[in-house]
């Protein structure tokens, strides 16, 4: 019986990591193609007659601003999730054992979330 479980877990582990490897490879390949097509598009815009050069520069600037905006928004979501996890941990641990101060462990993810929010709103470069 135990041998069957071991074999199953071994096969499942190999399958999982193989799947992860294929997913990462395909994502990197997609990113590489997107970067190539973007650079080709910018080259064609820059080579065009008239205001093509300034349009290409404006396109690159807008792409950078968009990437910064997406990064900051994802940091905000991560910070809120981390802070909520900290509060939930504090409540859960306090309910489970009201006599001990172990609920203060929830301050760790809570303060990480607060620090991330402080970075996003106070220190991060604006787009």
C-alpha atoms as a PDB file:
ATOM      1  CA  UNK A   1       0.000   0.000   0.000  1.00  0.00           C
ATOM      2  CA  UNK A   2       2.690   2.493   0.987  1.00  0.00           C
ATOM      3  CA  UNK A   3       4.600   1.689  -2.214  1.00  0.00           C
ATOM      4  CA  UNK A   4       1.587   2.747  -4.297  1.00  0.00           C
ATOM      5  CA  UNK A   5       1.363   6.068  -2.485  1.00  0.00           C
ATOM      6  CA  UNK A   6       5.090   6.643  -2.996  1.00  0.00           C
ATOM      7  CA  UNK A   7       4.848   5.864  -6.714  1.00  0.00           C
ATOM      8  CA  UNK A   8       1.800   8.104  -7.092  1.00  0.00           C
ATOM      9  CA  UNK A   9       3.511  11.009  -5.322  1.00  0.00           C
ATOM     10  CA  UNK A  10       6.671  10.543  -7.387  1.00  0.00           C
ATOM     11  CA  UNK A  11       4.762  10.569 -10.675  1.00  0.00           C
ATOM     12  CA  UNK A  12       2.630  13.527  -9.551  1.00  0.00           C
ATOM     13  CA  UNK A  13       5.727  15.515  -8.592  1.00  0.00           C
ATOM     14  CA  UNK A  14       7.433  14.866 -11.916  1.00  0.00           C
ATOM     15  CA  UNK A  15       4.233  15.752 -13.789  1.00  0.00           C
ATOM     16  CA  UNK A  16       3.763  18.961 -11.817  1.00  0.00           C
ATOM     17  CA  UNK A  17       7.285  20.236 -12.362  1.00  0.00           C
ATOM     18  CA  UNK A  18       7.189  19.258 -16.039  1.00  0.00           C
ATOM     19  CA  UNK A  19       3.964  21.220 -16.445  1.00  0.00           C
ATOM     20  CA  UNK A  20       5.463  24.242 -14.666  1.00  0.00           C
ATOM     21  CA  UNK A  21       8.526  24.101 -16.915  1.00  0.00           C
ATOM     22  CA  UNK A  22       6.396  24.074 -20.072  1.00  0.00           C
ATOM     23  CA  UNK A  23       4.233  26.953 -18.814  1.00  0.00           C
ATOM     24  CA  UNK A  24       7.245  29.108 -17.952  1.00  0.00           C
ATOM     25  CA  UNK A  25       8.907  28.332 -21.276  1.00  0.00           C
ATOM     26  CA  UNK A  26       5.775  29.236 -23.248  1.00  0.00           C
ATOM     27  CA  UNK A  27       5.299  32.489 -21.330  1.00  0.00           C
ATOM     28  CA  UNK A  28       8.882  33.537 -21.950  1.00  0.00           C
ATOM     29  CA  UNK A  29       8.542  32.678 -25.611  1.00  0.00           C
ATOM     30  CA  UNK A  30       5.387  34.820 -25.843  1.00  0.00           C
ATOM     31  CA  UNK A  31       7.125  37.741 -24.130  1.00  0.00           C
ATOM     32  CA  UNK A  32      10.045  37.438 -26.535  1.00  0.00           C
ATOM     33  CA  UNK A  33       7.707  37.515 -29.562  1.00  0.00           C
ATOM     34  CA  UNK A  34       5.824  40.510 -28.151  1.00  0.00           C
ATOM     35  CA  UNK A  35       9.080  42.408 -27.630  1.00  0.00           C
ATOM     36  CA  UNK A  36      10.196  41.598 -31.164  1.00  0.00           C
ATOM     37  CA  UNK A  37       6.915  42.719 -32.735  1.00  0.00           C
ATOM     38  CA  UNK A  38       6.888  45.881 -30.627  1.00  0.00           C
ATOM     39  CA  UNK A  39      10.398  46.802 -31.695  1.00  0.00           C
ATOM     40  CA  UNK A  40       9.524  46.160 -35.351  1.00  0.00           C
ATOM     41  CA  UNK A  41       6.415  48.345 -35.041  1.00  0.00           C
ATOM     42  CA  UNK A  42       8.387  51.184 -33.462  1.00  0.00           C
ATOM     43  CA  UNK A  43      11.012  50.930 -36.223  1.00  0.00           C
ATOM     44  CA  UNK A  44       8.349  51.192 -38.917  1.00  0.00           C
ATOM     45  CA  UNK A  45       6.689  54.156 -37.207  1.00  0.00           C
ATOM     46  CA  UNK A  46      10.042  55.917 -36.820  1.00  0.00           C
ATOM     47  CA  UNK A  47      10.910  55.338 -40.500  1.00  0.00           C
ATOM     48  CA  UNK A  48       7.566  56.710 -41.673  1.00  0.00           C
ATOM     49  CA  UNK A  49       7.284  60.125 -43.298  1.00  0.00           C
ATOM     50  CA  UNK A  50       6.609  63.226 -41.195  1.00  0.00           C
ATOM     51  CA  UNK A  51       6.067  62.994 -37.474  1.00  0.00           C
ATOM     52  CA  UNK A  52       6.848  59.283 -37.271  1.00  0.00           C
ATOM     53  CA  UNK A  53       9.848  59.749 -34.975  1.00  0.00           C
ATOM     54  CA  UNK A  54       7.931  61.741 -32.394  1.00  0.00           C
ATOM     55  CA  UNK A  55       5.009  59.304 -32.616  1.00  0.00           C
ATOM     56  CA  UNK A  56       7.371  56.396 -31.954  1.00  0.00           C
ATOM     57  CA  UNK A  57       8.852  58.159 -28.924  1.00  0.00           C
ATOM     58  CA  UNK A  58       5.385  58.997 -27.589  1.00  0.00           C
ATOM     59  CA  UNK A  59       4.355  55.350 -28.068  1.00  0.00           C
ATOM     60  CA  UNK A  60       7.380  54.172 -26.066  1.00  0.00           C
ATOM     61  CA  UNK A  61       6.690  56.702 -23.299  1.00  0.00           C
ATOM     62  CA  UNK A  62       3.047  55.646 -23.072  1.00  0.00           C
ATOM     63  CA  UNK A  63       4.069  51.984 -22.943  1.00  0.00           C
ATOM     64  CA  UNK A  64       6.453  52.727 -20.063  1.00  0.00           C
ATOM     65  CA  UNK A  65       3.795  54.736 -18.186  1.00  0.00           C
ATOM     66  CA  UNK A  66       1.333  51.903 -18.649  1.00  0.00           C
ATOM     67  CA  UNK A  67       3.823  49.346 -17.292  1.00  0.00           C
ATOM     68  CA  UNK A  68       4.551  51.505 -14.225  1.00  0.00           C
ATOM     69  CA  UNK A  69       0.830  51.971 -13.596  1.00  0.00           C
ATOM     70  CA  UNK A  70       0.202  48.217 -13.814  1.00  0.00           C
ATOM     71  CA  UNK A  71       3.107  47.488 -11.455  1.00  0.00           C
ATOM     72  CA  UNK A  72       1.868  49.973  -8.856  1.00  0.00           C
ATOM     73  CA  UNK A  73      -1.702  48.678  -9.065  1.00  0.00           C
ATOM     74  CA  UNK A  74      -0.519  45.100  -8.568  1.00  0.00           C
ATOM     75  CA  UNK A  75       1.551  46.215  -5.565  1.00  0.00           C
ATOM     76  CA  UNK A  76      -1.538  47.895  -4.085  1.00  0.00           C
ATOM     77  CA  UNK A  77      -3.554  44.696  -4.450  1.00  0.00           C
ATOM     78  CA  UNK A  78      -0.758  42.614  -2.919  1.00  0.00           C
ATOM     79  CA  UNK A  79      -0.431  45.048  -0.019  1.00  0.00           C
ATOM     80  CA  UNK A  80      -4.152  44.989   0.690  1.00  0.00           C
ATOM     81  CA  UNK A  81      -4.213  41.195   0.612  1.00  0.00           C
ATOM     82  CA  UNK A  82      -1.224  41.022   2.944  1.00  0.00           C
ATOM     83  CA  UNK A  83      -2.760  43.507   5.388  1.00  0.00           C
ATOM     84  CA  UNK A  84      -6.087  41.664   5.357  1.00  0.00           C
ATOM     85  CA  UNK A  85      -4.269  38.377   5.979  1.00  0.00           C
ATOM     86  CA  UNK A  86      -2.512  39.923   8.970  1.00  0.00           C
ATOM     87  CA  UNK A  87      -5.777  41.165  10.480  1.00  0.00           C
ATOM     88  CA  UNK A  88      -7.464  37.802   9.855  1.00  0.00           C
ATOM     89  CA  UNK A  89      -4.549  35.946  11.465  1.00  0.00           C
ATOM     90  CA  UNK A  90      -4.706  38.188  14.521  1.00  0.00           C
ATOM     91  CA  UNK A  91      -8.447  37.616  14.924  1.00  0.00           C
ATOM     92  CA  UNK A  92      -8.191  33.860  14.350  1.00  0.00           C
ATOM     93  CA  UNK A  93      -5.300  33.330  16.757  1.00  0.00           C
ATOM     94  CA  UNK A  94      -6.919  35.551  19.391  1.00  0.00           C
ATOM     95  CA  UNK A  95     -10.150  33.541  19.191  1.00  0.00           C
ATOM     96  CA  UNK A  96      -8.290  30.229  19.358  1.00  0.00           C
ATOM     97  CA  UNK A  97      -6.222  31.183  22.433  1.00  0.00           C
ATOM     98  CA  UNK A  98      -7.384  34.363  24.168  1.00  0.00           C
ATOM     99  CA  UNK A  99      -4.930  34.014  27.062  1.00  0.00           C
ATOM    100  CA  UNK A 100      -1.708  34.276  25.055  1.00  0.00           C
ATOM    101  CA  UNK A 101      -0.162  37.137  23.090  1.00  0.00           C
ATOM    102  CA  UNK A 102       0.477  34.851  20.104  1.00  0.00           C
ATOM    103  CA  UNK A 103      -2.021  36.824  18.037  1.00  0.00           C
ATOM    104  CA  UNK A 104       0.677  39.481  17.601  1.00  0.00           C
ATOM    105  CA  UNK A 105       2.211  37.194  14.957  1.00  0.00           C
ATOM    106  CA  UNK A 106      -0.448  38.660  12.640  1.00  0.00           C
ATOM    107  CA  UNK A 107       1.380  41.986  12.848  1.00  0.00           C
ATOM    108  CA  UNK A 108       4.059  40.636  10.502  1.00  0.00           C
ATOM    109  CA  UNK A 109       1.928  40.399   7.323  1.00  0.00           C
ATOM    110  CA  UNK A 110      -0.090  43.436   8.435  1.00  0.00           C
ATOM    111  CA  UNK A 111       3.001  45.627   8.681  1.00  0.00           C
ATOM    112  CA  UNK A 112       4.371  44.243   5.411  1.00  0.00           C
ATOM    113  CA  UNK A 113       1.134  45.311   3.725  1.00  0.00           C
ATOM    114  CA  UNK A 114       1.304  48.748   5.353  1.00  0.00           C
ATOM    115  CA  UNK A 115       4.923  49.155   4.228  1.00  0.00           C
ATOM    116  CA  UNK A 116       4.010  48.213   0.658  1.00  0.00           C
ATOM    117  CA  UNK A 117       1.140  50.705   0.631  1.00  0.00           C
ATOM    118  CA  UNK A 118       3.432  53.388   2.041  1.00  0.00           C
ATOM    119  CA  UNK A 119       5.910  52.704  -0.750  1.00  0.00           C
ATOM    120  CA  UNK A 120       3.244  52.852  -3.448  1.00  0.00           C
ATOM    121  CA  UNK A 121       1.655  56.077  -2.221  1.00  0.00           C
ATOM    122  CA  UNK A 122       4.710  57.929  -0.879  1.00  0.00           C
ATOM    123  CA  UNK A 123       7.940  56.756  -2.479  1.00  0.00           C
ATOM    124  CA  UNK A 124       7.240  55.155  -5.853  1.00  0.00           C
ATOM    125  CA  UNK A 125       7.941  57.154  -8.999  1.00  0.00           C
ATOM    126  CA  UNK A 126       4.730  58.305 -10.608  1.00  0.00           C
ATOM    127  CA  UNK A 127       3.848  57.446 -14.189  1.00  0.00           C
END
